Amino acid sequence: RETMGFNAVGVYEDSIKKGRLWVALDKNANYLG
């Protein structure tokens, strides 16, 4: 939070619904970022 700031969970949900939050996964579908 100190470097990334704060966003309510709804901000992330909205970005996901709009296709504007993407994740990187490894070959085992583990979250990388």
PDB file of all heavy atoms in Angstrom:
ATOM      1  N   ARG A   1       0.815  -1.219   0.000  1.00  0.00           N
ATOM      2  CA  ARG A   1       0.000   0.000   0.000  1.00  0.00           C
ATOM      3  C   ARG A   1       0.850   1.271   0.000  1.00  0.00           C
ATOM      4  O   ARG A   1       0.487   2.259  -0.614  1.00  0.00           O
ATOM      5  CB  ARG A   1      -0.931  -0.011   1.196  1.00  0.00           C
ATOM      6  CG  ARG A   1      -1.971   1.085   1.139  1.00  0.00           C
ATOM      7  CD  ARG A   1      -2.950   0.982   2.256  1.00  0.00           C
ATOM      8  NE  ARG A   1      -3.822  -0.160   2.005  1.00  0.00           N
ATOM      9  CZ  ARG A   1      -4.757  -0.564   2.835  1.00  0.00           C
ATOM     10  NH1 ARG A   1      -4.944   0.060   3.965  1.00  0.00           N
ATOM     11  NH2 ARG A   1      -5.506  -1.601   2.545  1.00  0.00           N
ATOM     12  N   GLU A   2       1.994   1.230   0.655  1.00  0.00           N
ATOM     13  CA  GLU A   2       2.838   2.426   0.727  1.00  0.00           C
ATOM     14  C   GLU A   2       3.314   2.852  -0.663  1.00  0.00           C
ATOM     15  O   GLU A   2       3.423   4.037  -0.954  1.00  0.00           O
ATOM     16  CB  GLU A   2       4.044   2.155   1.619  1.00  0.00           C
ATOM     17  CG  GLU A   2       4.893   3.387   1.865  1.00  0.00           C
ATOM     18  CD  GLU A   2       6.000   3.111   2.859  1.00  0.00           C
ATOM     19  OE1 GLU A   2       5.717   2.590   3.950  1.00  0.00           O
ATOM     20  OE2 GLU A   2       7.150   3.424   2.522  1.00  0.00           O
ATOM     21  N   THR A   3       3.594   1.900  -1.530  1.00  0.00           N
ATOM     22  CA  THR A   3       4.071   2.236  -2.867  1.00  0.00           C
ATOM     23  C   THR A   3       2.977   2.199  -3.930  1.00  0.00           C
ATOM     24  O   THR A   3       3.116   2.833  -4.967  1.00  0.00           O
ATOM     25  CB  THR A   3       5.205   1.285  -3.310  1.00  0.00           C
ATOM     26  OG1 THR A   3       4.752  -0.061  -3.232  1.00  0.00           O
ATOM     27  CG2 THR A   3       6.432   1.484  -2.442  1.00  0.00           C
ATOM     28  N   MET A   4       1.907   1.452  -3.679  1.00  0.00           N
ATOM     29  CA  MET A   4       0.864   1.298  -4.698  1.00  0.00           C
ATOM     30  C   MET A   4      -0.395   2.093  -4.406  1.00  0.00           C
ATOM     31  O   MET A   4      -1.272   2.185  -5.258  1.00  0.00           O
ATOM     32  CB  MET A   4       0.518  -0.178  -4.861  1.00  0.00           C
ATOM     33  CG  MET A   4       1.703  -0.996  -5.324  1.00  0.00           C
ATOM     34  SD  MET A   4       1.297  -2.694  -5.663  1.00  0.00           S
ATOM     35  CE  MET A   4       0.530  -2.510  -7.247  1.00  0.00           C
ATOM     36  N   GLY A   5      -0.500   2.634  -3.217  1.00  0.00           N
ATOM     37  CA  GLY A   5      -1.708   3.351  -2.865  1.00  0.00           C
ATOM     38  C   GLY A   5      -2.822   2.386  -2.475  1.00  0.00           C
ATOM     39  O   GLY A   5      -2.623   1.179  -2.377  1.00  0.00           O
ATOM     40  N   PHE A   6      -4.000   2.928  -2.244  1.00  0.00           N
ATOM     41  CA  PHE A   6      -5.142   2.121  -1.822  1.00  0.00           C
ATOM     42  C   PHE A   6      -6.244   2.201  -2.858  1.00  0.00           C
ATOM     43  O   PHE A   6      -6.579   3.283  -3.336  1.00  0.00           O
ATOM     44  CB  PHE A   6      -5.687   2.618  -0.472  1.00  0.00           C
ATOM     45  CG  PHE A   6      -6.975   1.945  -0.095  1.00  0.00           C
ATOM     46  CD1 PHE A   6      -6.965   0.665   0.415  1.00  0.00           C
ATOM     47  CD2 PHE A   6      -8.191   2.581  -0.293  1.00  0.00           C
ATOM     48  CE1 PHE A   6      -8.157   0.024   0.753  1.00  0.00           C
ATOM     49  CE2 PHE A   6      -9.382   1.952   0.038  1.00  0.00           C
ATOM     50  CZ  PHE A   6      -9.360   0.670   0.569  1.00  0.00           C
ATOM     51  N   ASN A   7      -6.774   1.054  -3.189  1.00  0.00           N
ATOM     52  CA  ASN A   7      -7.974   0.972  -4.021  1.00  0.00           C
ATOM     53  C   ASN A   7      -8.935   0.012  -3.341  1.00  0.00           C
ATOM     54  O   ASN A   7      -8.532  -1.074  -2.912  1.00  0.00           O
ATOM     55  CB  ASN A   7      -7.652   0.439  -5.421  1.00  0.00           C
ATOM     56  CG  ASN A   7      -7.003   1.479  -6.296  1.00  0.00           C
ATOM     57  OD1 ASN A   7      -7.511   2.578  -6.448  1.00  0.00           O
ATOM     58  ND2 ASN A   7      -5.869   1.147  -6.867  1.00  0.00           N
ATOM     59  N   ALA A   8     -10.187   0.401  -3.259  1.00  0.00           N
ATOM     60  CA  ALA A   8     -11.206  -0.492  -2.726  1.00  0.00           C
ATOM     61  C   ALA A   8     -11.366  -1.682  -3.659  1.00  0.00           C
ATOM     62  O   ALA A   8     -11.103  -1.587  -4.866  1.00  0.00           O
ATOM     63  CB  ALA A   8     -12.527   0.254  -2.584  1.00  0.00           C
ATOM     64  N   VAL A   9     -11.819  -2.797  -3.124  1.00  0.00           N
ATOM     65  CA  VAL A   9     -11.967  -4.011  -3.920  1.00  0.00           C
ATOM     66  C   VAL A   9     -12.895  -3.769  -5.114  1.00  0.00           C
ATOM     67  O   VAL A   9     -12.706  -4.356  -6.181  1.00  0.00           O
ATOM     68  CB  VAL A   9     -12.431  -5.197  -3.045  1.00  0.00           C
ATOM     69  CG1 VAL A   9     -13.874  -5.042  -2.605  1.00  0.00           C
ATOM     70  CG2 VAL A   9     -12.213  -6.519  -3.750  1.00  0.00           C
ATOM     71  N   GLY A  10     -13.855  -2.874  -4.965  1.00  0.00           N
ATOM     72  CA  GLY A  10     -14.774  -2.569  -6.070  1.00  0.00           C
ATOM     73  C   GLY A  10     -14.077  -1.989  -7.291  1.00  0.00           C
ATOM     74  O   GLY A  10     -14.514  -2.206  -8.415  1.00  0.00           O
ATOM     75  N   VAL A  11     -12.992  -1.262  -7.066  1.00  0.00           N
ATOM     76  CA  VAL A  11     -12.225  -0.708  -8.188  1.00  0.00           C
ATOM     77  C   VAL A  11     -11.628  -1.847  -9.019  1.00  0.00           C
ATOM     78  O   VAL A  11     -11.665  -1.826 -10.249  1.00  0.00           O
ATOM     79  CB  VAL A  11     -11.110   0.240  -7.679  1.00  0.00           C
ATOM     80  CG1 VAL A  11     -10.177   0.655  -8.799  1.00  0.00           C
ATOM     81  CG2 VAL A  11     -11.729   1.445  -7.002  1.00  0.00           C
ATOM     82  N   TYR A  12     -11.090  -2.849  -8.340  1.00  0.00           N
ATOM     83  CA  TYR A  12     -10.524  -3.997  -9.041  1.00  0.00           C
ATOM     84  C   TYR A  12     -11.615  -4.802  -9.744  1.00  0.00           C
ATOM     85  O   TYR A  12     -11.443  -5.223 -10.887  1.00  0.00           O
ATOM     86  CB  TYR A  12      -9.732  -4.877  -8.072  1.00  0.00           C
ATOM     87  CG  TYR A  12      -8.541  -4.152  -7.509  1.00  0.00           C
ATOM     88  CD1 TYR A  12      -8.525  -3.691  -6.206  1.00  0.00           C
ATOM     89  CD2 TYR A  12      -7.417  -3.904  -8.298  1.00  0.00           C
ATOM     90  CE1 TYR A  12      -7.434  -3.006  -5.696  1.00  0.00           C
ATOM     91  CE2 TYR A  12      -6.324  -3.217  -7.797  1.00  0.00           C
ATOM     92  CZ  TYR A  12      -6.344  -2.771  -6.494  1.00  0.00           C
ATOM     93  OH  TYR A  12      -5.261  -2.090  -6.002  1.00  0.00           O
ATOM     94  N   GLU A  13     -12.731  -5.002  -9.075  1.00  0.00           N
ATOM     95  CA  GLU A  13     -13.838  -5.740  -9.691  1.00  0.00           C
ATOM     96  C   GLU A  13     -14.321  -5.042 -10.957  1.00  0.00           C
ATOM     97  O   GLU A  13     -14.555  -5.694 -11.983  1.00  0.00           O
ATOM     98  CB  GLU A  13     -14.990  -5.886  -8.700  1.00  0.00           C
ATOM     99  CG  GLU A  13     -14.685  -6.826  -7.553  1.00  0.00           C
ATOM    100  CD  GLU A  13     -15.750  -6.790  -6.475  1.00  0.00           C
ATOM    101  OE1 GLU A  13     -16.531  -5.810  -6.408  1.00  0.00           O
ATOM    102  OE2 GLU A  13     -15.777  -7.740  -5.677  1.00  0.00           O
ATOM    103  N   ASP A  14     -14.472  -3.730 -10.893  1.00  0.00           N
ATOM    104  CA  ASP A  14     -14.924  -2.957 -12.049  1.00  0.00           C
ATOM    105  C   ASP A  14     -13.920  -3.057 -13.201  1.00  0.00           C
ATOM    106  O   ASP A  14     -14.307  -3.246 -14.359  1.00  0.00           O
ATOM    107  CB  ASP A  14     -15.149  -1.498 -11.650  1.00  0.00           C
ATOM    108  CG  ASP A  14     -15.791  -0.696 -12.766  1.00  0.00           C
ATOM    109  OD1 ASP A  14     -16.839  -1.115 -13.281  1.00  0.00           O
ATOM    110  OD2 ASP A  14     -15.234   0.366 -13.110  1.00  0.00           O
ATOM    111  N   SER A  15     -12.637  -2.948 -12.878  1.00  0.00           N
ATOM    112  CA  SER A  15     -11.602  -3.062 -13.916  1.00  0.00           C
ATOM    113  C   SER A  15     -11.609  -4.438 -14.558  1.00  0.00           C
ATOM    114  O   SER A  15     -11.421  -4.571 -15.763  1.00  0.00           O
ATOM    115  CB  SER A  15     -10.225  -2.755 -13.320  1.00  0.00           C
ATOM    116  OG  SER A  15     -10.140  -1.403 -12.946  1.00  0.00           O
ATOM    117  N   ILE A  16     -11.830  -5.463 -13.751  1.00  0.00           N
ATOM    118  CA  ILE A  16     -11.893  -6.825 -14.287  1.00  0.00           C
ATOM    119  C   ILE A  16     -13.089  -6.953 -15.231  1.00  0.00           C
ATOM    120  O   ILE A  16     -12.959  -7.475 -16.343  1.00  0.00           O
ATOM    121  CB  ILE A  16     -11.965  -7.865 -13.143  1.00  0.00           C
ATOM    122  CG1 ILE A  16     -10.623  -7.913 -12.399  1.00  0.00           C
ATOM    123  CG2 ILE A  16     -12.346  -9.242 -13.691  1.00  0.00           C
ATOM    124  CD1 ILE A  16     -10.661  -8.690 -11.092  1.00  0.00           C
ATOM    125  N   LYS A  17     -14.253  -6.472 -14.806  1.00  0.00           N
ATOM    126  CA  LYS A  17     -15.457  -6.563 -15.639  1.00  0.00           C
ATOM    127  C   LYS A  17     -15.277  -5.850 -16.976  1.00  0.00           C
ATOM    128  O   LYS A  17     -15.806  -6.282 -17.991  1.00  0.00           O
ATOM    129  CB  LYS A  17     -16.660  -5.982 -14.901  1.00  0.00           C
ATOM    130  CG  LYS A  17     -17.140  -6.844 -13.772  1.00  0.00           C
ATOM    131  CD  LYS A  17     -18.262  -6.178 -13.015  1.00  0.00           C
ATOM    132  CE  LYS A  17     -18.605  -6.978 -11.775  1.00  0.00           C
ATOM    133  NZ  LYS A  17     -19.540  -6.266 -10.896  1.00  0.00           N
ATOM    134  N   LYS A  18     -14.524  -4.755 -16.979  1.00  0.00           N
ATOM    135  CA  LYS A  18     -14.280  -3.991 -18.201  1.00  0.00           C
ATOM    136  C   LYS A  18     -13.134  -4.573 -19.033  1.00  0.00           C
ATOM    137  O   LYS A  18     -12.809  -4.042 -20.096  1.00  0.00           O
ATOM    138  CB  LYS A  18     -13.956  -2.535 -17.852  1.00  0.00           C
ATOM    139  CG  LYS A  18     -15.132  -1.777 -17.303  1.00  0.00           C
ATOM    140  CD  LYS A  18     -14.754  -0.363 -16.935  1.00  0.00           C
ATOM    141  CE  LYS A  18     -15.944   0.412 -16.421  1.00  0.00           C
ATOM    142  NZ  LYS A  18     -15.556   1.751 -15.963  1.00  0.00           N
ATOM    143  N   GLY A  19     -12.498  -5.637 -18.550  1.00  0.00           N
ATOM    144  CA  GLY A  19     -11.378  -6.238 -19.276  1.00  0.00           C
ATOM    145  C   GLY A  19     -10.108  -5.423 -19.177  1.00  0.00           C
ATOM    146  O   GLY A  19      -9.219  -5.539 -20.014  1.00  0.00           O
ATOM    147  N   ARG A  20     -10.003  -4.610 -18.154  1.00  0.00           N
ATOM    148  CA  ARG A  20      -8.853  -3.718 -18.005  1.00  0.00           C
ATOM    149  C   ARG A  20      -7.966  -4.064 -16.816  1.00  0.00           C
ATOM    150  O   ARG A  20      -7.161  -3.248 -16.391  1.00  0.00           O
ATOM    151  CB  ARG A  20      -9.329  -2.279 -17.903  1.00  0.00           C
ATOM    152  CG  ARG A  20      -9.928  -1.813 -19.219  1.00  0.00           C
ATOM    153  CD  ARG A  20     -10.045  -0.353 -19.225  1.00  0.00           C
ATOM    154  NE  ARG A  20     -10.532   0.123 -20.509  1.00  0.00           N
ATOM    155  CZ  ARG A  20     -10.825   1.375 -20.732  1.00  0.00           C
ATOM    156  NH1 ARG A  20     -10.663   2.269 -19.791  1.00  0.00           N
ATOM    157  NH2 ARG A  20     -11.263   1.747 -21.907  1.00  0.00           N
ATOM    158  N   LEU A  21      -8.136  -5.230 -16.279  1.00  0.00           N
ATOM    159  CA  LEU A  21      -7.209  -5.738 -15.280  1.00  0.00           C
ATOM    160  C   LEU A  21      -6.812  -7.126 -15.743  1.00  0.00           C
ATOM    161  O   LEU A  21      -7.657  -8.000 -15.900  1.00  0.00           O
ATOM    162  CB  LEU A  21      -7.834  -5.778 -13.894  1.00  0.00           C
ATOM    163  CG  LEU A  21      -6.820  -5.949 -12.760  1.00  0.00           C
ATOM    164  CD1 LEU A  21      -7.328  -5.312 -11.484  1.00  0.00           C
ATOM    165  CD2 LEU A  21      -6.423  -7.366 -12.526  1.00  0.00           C
ATOM    166  N   TRP A  22      -5.544  -7.271 -16.016  1.00  0.00           N
ATOM    167  CA  TRP A  22      -5.020  -8.535 -16.531  1.00  0.00           C
ATOM    168  C   TRP A  22      -4.068  -9.129 -15.514  1.00  0.00           C
ATOM    169  O   TRP A  22      -3.400  -8.412 -14.773  1.00  0.00           O
ATOM    170  CB  TRP A  22      -4.248  -8.311 -17.830  1.00  0.00           C
ATOM    171  CG  TRP A  22      -4.995  -7.553 -18.887  1.00  0.00           C
ATOM    172  CD1 TRP A  22      -6.347  -7.433 -19.044  1.00  0.00           C
ATOM    173  CD2 TRP A  22      -4.409  -6.808 -19.943  1.00  0.00           C
ATOM    174  NE1 TRP A  22      -6.629  -6.668 -20.144  1.00  0.00           N
ATOM    175  CE2 TRP A  22      -5.451  -6.261 -20.718  1.00  0.00           C
ATOM    176  CE3 TRP A  22      -3.094  -6.548 -20.327  1.00  0.00           C
ATOM    177  CZ2 TRP A  22      -5.233  -5.483 -21.842  1.00  0.00           C
ATOM    178  CZ3 TRP A  22      -2.871  -5.761 -21.449  1.00  0.00           C
ATOM    179  CH2 TRP A  22      -3.933  -5.246 -22.194  1.00  0.00           C
ATOM    180  N   VAL A  23      -3.988 -10.453 -15.495  1.00  0.00           N
ATOM    181  CA  VAL A  23      -3.044 -11.134 -14.617  1.00  0.00           C
ATOM    182  C   VAL A  23      -2.045 -11.929 -15.443  1.00  0.00           C
ATOM    183  O   VAL A  23      -2.344 -12.361 -16.555  1.00  0.00           O
ATOM    184  CB  VAL A  23      -3.752 -12.068 -13.605  1.00  0.00           C
ATOM    185  CG1 VAL A  23      -4.609 -11.281 -12.637  1.00  0.00           C
ATOM    186  CG2 VAL A  23      -4.565 -13.138 -14.297  1.00  0.00           C
ATOM    187  N   ALA A  24      -0.864 -12.091 -14.858  1.00  0.00           N
ATOM    188  CA  ALA A  24       0.151 -12.978 -15.432  1.00  0.00           C
ATOM    189  C   ALA A  24       0.181 -14.217 -14.556  1.00  0.00           C
ATOM    190  O   ALA A  24       0.129 -14.125 -13.323  1.00  0.00           O
ATOM    191  CB  ALA A  24       1.521 -12.298 -15.438  1.00  0.00           C
ATOM    192  N   LEU A  25       0.248 -15.360 -15.213  1.00  0.00           N
ATOM    193  CA  LEU A  25       0.253 -16.637 -14.513  1.00  0.00           C
ATOM    194  C   LEU A  25       1.425 -17.473 -14.972  1.00  0.00           C
ATOM    195  O   LEU A  25       1.861 -17.356 -16.118  1.00  0.00           O
ATOM    196  CB  LEU A  25      -1.040 -17.403 -14.805  1.00  0.00           C
ATOM    197  CG  LEU A  25      -2.355 -16.662 -14.570  1.00  0.00           C
ATOM    198  CD1 LEU A  25      -3.518 -17.487 -15.072  1.00  0.00           C
ATOM    199  CD2 LEU A  25      -2.521 -16.297 -13.107  1.00  0.00           C
ATOM    200  N   ASP A  26       1.896 -18.347 -14.093  1.00  0.00           N
ATOM    201  CA  ASP A  26       2.924 -19.289 -14.530  1.00  0.00           C
ATOM    202  C   ASP A  26       2.238 -20.485 -15.181  1.00  0.00           C
ATOM    203  O   ASP A  26       1.004 -20.518 -15.312  1.00  0.00           O
ATOM    204  CB  ASP A  26       3.857 -19.683 -13.380  1.00  0.00           C
ATOM    205  CG  ASP A  26       3.177 -20.507 -12.294  1.00  0.00           C
ATOM    206  OD1 ASP A  26       2.036 -21.002 -12.482  1.00  0.00           O
ATOM    207  OD2 ASP A  26       3.803 -20.670 -11.227  1.00  0.00           O
ATOM    208  N   LYS A  27       3.007 -21.474 -15.586  1.00  0.00           N
ATOM    209  CA  LYS A  27       2.432 -22.627 -16.308  1.00  0.00           C
ATOM    210  C   LYS A  27       1.481 -23.452 -15.440  1.00  0.00           C
ATOM    211  O   LYS A  27       0.695 -24.232 -15.960  1.00  0.00           O
ATOM    212  CB  LYS A  27       3.545 -23.498 -16.880  1.00  0.00           C
ATOM    213  CG  LYS A  27       4.438 -24.118 -15.836  1.00  0.00           C
ATOM    214  CD  LYS A  27       5.537 -24.908 -16.482  1.00  0.00           C
ATOM    215  CE  LYS A  27       6.489 -25.429 -15.409  1.00  0.00           C
ATOM    216  NZ  LYS A  27       7.598 -26.149 -15.987  1.00  0.00           N
ATOM    217  N   ASN A  28       1.537 -23.252 -14.124  1.00  0.00           N
ATOM    218  CA  ASN A  28       0.634 -23.955 -13.209  1.00  0.00           C
ATOM    219  C   ASN A  28      -0.537 -23.078 -12.767  1.00  0.00           C
ATOM    220  O   ASN A  28      -1.236 -23.404 -11.823  1.00  0.00           O
ATOM    221  CB  ASN A  28       1.402 -24.441 -11.976  1.00  0.00           C
ATOM    222  CG  ASN A  28       2.453 -25.457 -12.343  1.00  0.00           C
ATOM    223  OD1 ASN A  28       2.194 -26.386 -13.104  1.00  0.00           O
ATOM    224  ND2 ASN A  28       3.656 -25.268 -11.835  1.00  0.00           N
ATOM    225  N   ALA A  29      -0.728 -21.971 -13.457  1.00  0.00           N
ATOM    226  CA  ALA A  29      -1.814 -21.013 -13.182  1.00  0.00           C
ATOM    227  C   ALA A  29      -1.659 -20.313 -11.835  1.00  0.00           C
ATOM    228  O   ALA A  29      -2.641 -19.888 -11.238  1.00  0.00           O
ATOM    229  CB  ALA A  29      -3.178 -21.672 -13.311  1.00  0.00           C
ATOM    230  N   ASN A  30      -0.422 -20.182 -11.358  1.00  0.00           N
ATOM    231  CA  ASN A  30      -0.156 -19.417 -10.146  1.00  0.00           C
ATOM    232  C   ASN A  30      -0.003 -17.945 -10.507  1.00  0.00           C
ATOM    233  O   ASN A  30       0.645 -17.604 -11.505  1.00  0.00           O
ATOM    234  CB  ASN A  30       1.118 -19.905  -9.455  1.00  0.00           C
ATOM    235  CG  ASN A  30       0.979 -21.320  -8.961  1.00  0.00           C
ATOM    236  OD1 ASN A  30       0.019 -21.652  -8.280  1.00  0.00           O
ATOM    237  ND2 ASN A  30       1.923 -22.170  -9.312  1.00  0.00           N
ATOM    238  N   TYR A  31      -0.566 -17.083  -9.701  1.00  0.00           N
ATOM    239  CA  TYR A  31      -0.537 -15.637  -9.901  1.00  0.00           C
ATOM    240  C   TYR A  31       0.891 -15.106  -9.795  1.00  0.00           C
ATOM    241  O   TYR A  31       1.585 -15.338  -8.813  1.00  0.00           O
ATOM    242  CB  TYR A  31      -1.439 -14.987  -8.847  1.00  0.00           C
ATOM    243  CG  TYR A  31      -1.345 -13.499  -8.722  1.00  0.00           C
ATOM    244  CD1 TYR A  31      -2.046 -12.670  -9.597  1.00  0.00           C
ATOM    245  CD2 TYR A  31      -0.586 -12.910  -7.715  1.00  0.00           C
ATOM    246  CE1 TYR A  31      -1.983 -11.292  -9.467  1.00  0.00           C
ATOM    247  CE2 TYR A  31      -0.524 -11.532  -7.584  1.00  0.00           C
ATOM    248  CZ  TYR A  31      -1.216 -10.738  -8.453  1.00  0.00           C
ATOM    249  OH  TYR A  31      -1.150  -9.372  -8.326  1.00  0.00           O
ATOM    250  N   LEU A  32       1.320 -14.381 -10.833  1.00  0.00           N
ATOM    251  CA  LEU A  32       2.644 -13.747 -10.843  1.00  0.00           C
ATOM    252  C   LEU A  32       2.549 -12.236 -10.694  1.00  0.00           C
ATOM    253  O   LEU A  32       3.509 -11.593 -10.261  1.00  0.00           O
ATOM    254  CB  LEU A  32       3.383 -14.060 -12.146  1.00  0.00           C
ATOM    255  CG  LEU A  32       3.665 -15.524 -12.437  1.00  0.00           C
ATOM    256  CD1 LEU A  32       4.336 -15.662 -13.797  1.00  0.00           C
ATOM    257  CD2 LEU A  32       4.504 -16.141 -11.334  1.00  0.00           C
ATOM    258  N   GLY A  33       1.419 -11.659 -11.084  1.00  0.00           N
ATOM    259  CA  GLY A  33       1.259 -10.215 -11.002  1.00  0.00           C
ATOM    260  C   GLY A  33       0.072  -9.768 -11.823  1.00  0.00           C
ATOM    261  O   GLY A  33      -0.657 -10.588 -12.393  1.00  0.00           O
TER     262      GLY A  33
END
